[in-house]
Amino acid sequence: MTALSPRAALLIIDLQRAIDDPSWGVRNNPEAERRGLELLAAWRASGRAVFHIRHDSVEPASTYRPGQPGHAFKTGFQPQPGEPVIAKHTNSAFIGTDLDRILRAAGHLQLVVFGVITNNSVEATVRMAGNLGFDTLLVEDACFTFGRTDWHGVARTADEVHALSLANLDGEYCRVVRAAQLLDALAPLRG
C-alpha cells in the first residue's frame, strides 16, 4: 500500500442508527463498526481531517429520515468539534453537496472511505470520487451490506453482494484495503 498523505481525509458514510433497523435484513461484516472505530481513533490521533457523511432521506418511510431516532449517528461515530458533517439526500456524498469544493480547497486529494451500504452509498461515493480524480482507498472490512435478490431472481448473500461491489470498484475507482493496513500506516504518526 502506498503511504498516506498528511492531507488525506477520512469519509465516514451514513453510519447512523437507521442501519440497525431489522427491515434491512441480514448483513455481513459483523465487526465493521469495531474496525471503523479503531480506524477513526487512530485517524483522529494522527491529526488528519474527518468528514461525517449523513444521509437525510426525503423518503417518508425511510429509517434515515430527519426527526426519527435512526437519523442519529451510531454510538462512537458522533462528530467531534471541527469535524464537518456533510448532509446528503442521494446515495453519493458528492451530489447536491459542497464536498468536492471543500475537499479540494483544503488540499484533501486522497480519501479513505468506509461506512454503509457497500453497494449503495459507499459505492456511489467511491465511484464519483474516482471519477473526480481523488486518490481513494476503500476500507472493505469497515463496510457492510445486506443480502439482495439479483436481476434474475437469484438470492445473493450479503457477503456476495459486498464482494461484487468491491470487485466493481477496485482498480478503476479506488484501491480496496483492510483497516489493519491503514492502522499500520498510521502507527508511526501516532507515536
Protein backbone atom coordinates (compact mmCIF):
# COMPACT_ATOMS: atom_id res chain seq x y z
CA MET A 1 0.00 0.00 0.00
CA THR A 2 1.24 3.50 -0.74
CA ALA A 3 1.86 5.92 2.08
CA LEU A 4 -0.97 8.02 3.39
CA SER A 5 -0.78 11.68 2.54
CA PRO A 6 -0.63 14.05 5.51
CA ARG A 7 -3.59 15.76 3.81
CA ALA A 8 -5.63 12.53 3.43
CA ALA A 9 -9.22 12.86 4.65
CA LEU A 10 -11.44 10.19 6.18
CA LEU A 11 -15.03 9.99 4.90
CA ILE A 12 -17.45 8.01 7.06
CA ILE A 13 -20.58 7.20 5.08
CA ASP A 14 -24.06 7.01 6.68
CA LEU A 15 -23.10 5.29 9.95
CA GLN A 16 -26.38 6.24 11.55
CA ARG A 17 -28.66 4.24 13.84
CA ALA A 18 -31.10 3.77 10.93
CA ILE A 19 -28.91 0.99 9.53
CA ASP A 20 -29.67 -1.21 12.57
CA ASP A 21 -33.38 -1.42 11.74
CA PRO A 22 -34.33 -5.09 11.15
CA SER A 23 -36.11 -4.12 7.92
CA TRP A 24 -32.72 -4.04 6.16
CA GLY A 25 -32.32 -7.81 6.51
CA VAL A 26 -29.23 -9.94 7.11
CA ARG A 27 -25.91 -8.11 6.93
CA ASN A 28 -22.28 -9.14 6.57
CA ASN A 29 -19.09 -7.94 8.31
CA PRO A 30 -20.38 -8.02 11.92
CA GLU A 31 -17.07 -6.45 13.03
CA ALA A 32 -17.32 -3.50 10.62
CA GLU A 33 -18.18 -0.94 13.27
CA ARG A 34 -15.35 -2.12 15.51
CA ARG A 35 -12.86 -1.85 12.62
CA GLY A 36 -14.26 1.59 11.80
CA LEU A 37 -13.96 2.83 15.39
CA GLU A 38 -10.35 1.60 15.60
CA LEU A 39 -9.52 3.41 12.38
CA LEU A 40 -11.38 6.55 13.44
CA ALA A 41 -9.47 6.72 16.75
CA ALA A 42 -6.11 6.26 15.01
CA TRP A 43 -7.06 8.78 12.31
CA ARG A 44 -8.01 11.40 14.87
CA ALA A 45 -4.77 10.74 16.78
CA SER A 46 -2.81 11.37 13.57
CA GLY A 47 -4.40 14.82 13.27
CA ARG A 48 -5.94 14.22 9.84
CA ALA A 49 -9.32 15.52 8.70
CA VAL A 50 -12.53 13.56 9.33
CA PHE A 51 -15.76 14.15 7.39
CA HIS A 52 -19.06 12.62 8.52
CA ILE A 53 -21.48 11.94 5.69
CA ARG A 54 -25.07 11.91 7.00
CA HIS A 55 -28.00 10.68 4.95
CA ASP A 56 -31.00 12.99 5.32
CA SER A 57 -33.60 10.92 3.48
CA VAL A 58 -36.54 12.66 1.85
CA GLU A 59 -38.48 9.36 1.67
CA PRO A 60 -41.37 9.38 4.19
CA ALA A 61 -40.83 5.78 5.35
CA SER A 62 -37.01 5.85 5.44
CA THR A 63 -35.24 4.90 8.65
CA TYR A 64 -32.78 7.70 7.73
CA ARG A 65 -35.40 10.46 7.67
CA PRO A 66 -34.53 13.52 9.83
CA GLY A 67 -36.55 13.75 13.03
CA GLN A 68 -36.55 9.99 13.58
CA PRO A 69 -34.31 8.15 16.07
CA GLY A 70 -32.48 6.39 13.23
CA HIS A 71 -31.20 9.69 11.88
CA ALA A 72 -28.66 10.00 14.74
CA PHE A 73 -25.09 8.79 14.29
CA LYS A 74 -24.26 5.37 15.71
CA THR A 75 -22.51 5.26 19.09
CA GLY A 76 -18.86 6.22 18.74
CA PHE A 77 -19.31 7.79 15.31
CA GLN A 78 -20.61 11.15 16.52
CA PRO A 79 -18.65 14.09 15.09
CA GLN A 80 -16.17 15.87 17.33
CA PRO A 81 -15.79 19.65 17.27
CA GLY A 82 -14.25 20.77 13.98
CA GLU A 83 -15.29 17.61 12.08
CA PRO A 84 -17.68 18.65 9.30
CA VAL A 85 -20.99 16.91 8.71
CA ILE A 86 -21.99 16.72 5.05
CA ALA A 87 -25.74 16.15 4.69
CA LYS A 88 -26.81 14.35 1.53
CA HIS A 89 -30.18 13.41 0.04
CA THR A 90 -28.98 10.91 -2.59
CA ASN A 91 -26.65 7.93 -2.49
CA SER A 92 -23.50 9.89 -3.45
CA ALA A 93 -21.92 12.26 -0.95
CA PHE A 94 -20.88 14.48 -3.89
CA ILE A 95 -24.35 15.07 -5.38
CA GLY A 96 -26.08 18.22 -4.14
CA THR A 97 -23.34 18.97 -1.59
CA ASP A 98 -20.20 21.11 -1.41
CA LEU A 99 -17.99 18.10 -0.60
CA ASP A 100 -15.85 18.29 -3.75
CA ARG A 101 -15.18 22.02 -3.29
CA ILE A 102 -14.46 21.66 0.44
CA LEU A 103 -12.02 18.77 -0.07
CA ARG A 104 -10.13 20.49 -2.88
CA ALA A 105 -9.95 23.85 -1.07
CA ALA A 106 -8.32 22.12 1.91
CA GLY A 107 -5.96 20.06 -0.27
CA HIS A 108 -7.57 16.71 0.61
CA LEU A 109 -6.85 14.86 -2.65
CA GLN A 110 -6.51 11.44 -1.02
CA LEU A 111 -9.63 9.96 0.58
CA VAL A 112 -10.13 6.98 2.86
CA VAL A 113 -13.74 5.80 2.85
CA PHE A 114 -15.80 3.41 4.96
CA GLY A 115 -19.41 3.02 6.06
CA VAL A 116 -22.67 1.72 4.62
CA ILE A 117 -24.19 0.39 2.43
CA THR A 118 -21.29 -1.09 0.42
CA ASN A 119 -23.24 -1.45 -2.83
CA ASN A 120 -25.23 1.76 -2.41
CA SER A 121 -23.95 4.97 -0.83
CA VAL A 122 -20.39 3.71 -0.37
CA GLU A 123 -20.15 2.52 -3.97
CA ALA A 124 -21.79 5.67 -5.38
CA THR A 125 -19.49 7.96 -3.39
CA VAL A 126 -16.34 5.99 -4.24
CA ARG A 127 -17.22 5.85 -7.95
CA MET A 128 -17.69 9.61 -8.04
CA ALA A 129 -14.53 10.25 -6.02
CA GLY A 130 -12.57 8.19 -8.52
CA ASN A 131 -14.20 9.92 -11.46
CA LEU A 132 -13.37 13.31 -9.94
CA GLY A 133 -9.71 12.32 -9.68
CA PHE A 134 -9.35 11.69 -5.95
CA ASP A 135 -6.87 9.01 -4.85
CA THR A 136 -9.40 6.87 -2.99
CA LEU A 137 -8.90 3.98 -0.57
CA LEU A 138 -11.94 1.90 0.41
CA VAL A 139 -11.76 0.03 3.74
CA GLU A 140 -13.56 -3.22 2.94
CA ASP A 141 -13.72 -4.62 6.46
CA ALA A 142 -15.21 -1.37 7.84
CA CYS A 143 -18.13 -1.52 5.37
CA PHE A 144 -21.14 -3.80 5.24
CA THR A 145 -24.22 -4.51 3.22
CA PHE A 146 -27.26 -6.78 3.11
CA GLY A 147 -28.40 -9.74 1.06
CA ARG A 148 -30.32 -8.96 -2.15
CA THR A 149 -32.11 -10.75 -4.92
CA ASP A 150 -30.36 -10.18 -8.24
CA TRP A 151 -31.94 -9.21 -11.57
CA HIS A 152 -32.57 -12.88 -12.43
CA GLY A 153 -34.34 -13.61 -9.15
CA VAL A 154 -31.40 -15.36 -7.50
CA ALA A 155 -30.98 -14.64 -3.80
CA ARG A 156 -27.47 -13.34 -3.07
CA THR A 157 -25.95 -13.24 0.40
CA ALA A 158 -24.62 -10.06 1.93
CA ASP A 159 -21.09 -11.44 1.51
CA GLU A 160 -21.70 -11.99 -2.21
CA VAL A 161 -23.17 -8.52 -2.71
CA HIS A 162 -20.28 -6.96 -0.76
CA ALA A 163 -17.61 -8.86 -2.71
CA LEU A 164 -19.11 -7.99 -6.08
CA SER A 165 -19.37 -4.32 -5.17
CA LEU A 166 -15.71 -4.28 -4.11
CA ALA A 167 -14.74 -6.02 -7.37
CA ASN A 168 -16.64 -3.36 -9.34
CA LEU A 169 -14.66 -0.59 -7.62
CA ASP A 170 -11.12 -1.90 -7.09
CA GLY A 171 -8.55 -0.76 -9.59
CA GLU A 172 -10.81 1.59 -11.54
CA TYR A 173 -12.27 3.91 -8.91
CA CYS A 174 -10.25 3.09 -5.80
CA ARG A 175 -7.91 0.70 -4.08
CA VAL A 176 -9.65 -1.71 -1.72
CA VAL A 177 -7.72 -2.08 1.55
CA ARG A 178 -8.22 -3.52 5.02
CA ALA A 179 -8.30 -1.49 8.23
CA ALA A 180 -5.12 -3.17 9.52
CA GLN A 181 -3.16 -1.82 6.55
CA LEU A 182 -4.23 1.73 7.36
CA LEU A 183 -3.60 1.28 11.08
CA ASP A 184 -0.06 0.13 10.25
CA ALA A 185 0.44 3.18 8.02
CA LEU A 186 -0.86 5.50 10.77
CA ALA A 187 1.14 3.91 13.63
CA PRO A 188 4.36 5.93 13.17
CA LEU A 189 2.36 9.16 13.03
CA ARG A 190 0.59 8.50 16.33
CA GLY A 191 3.77 7.56 18.22
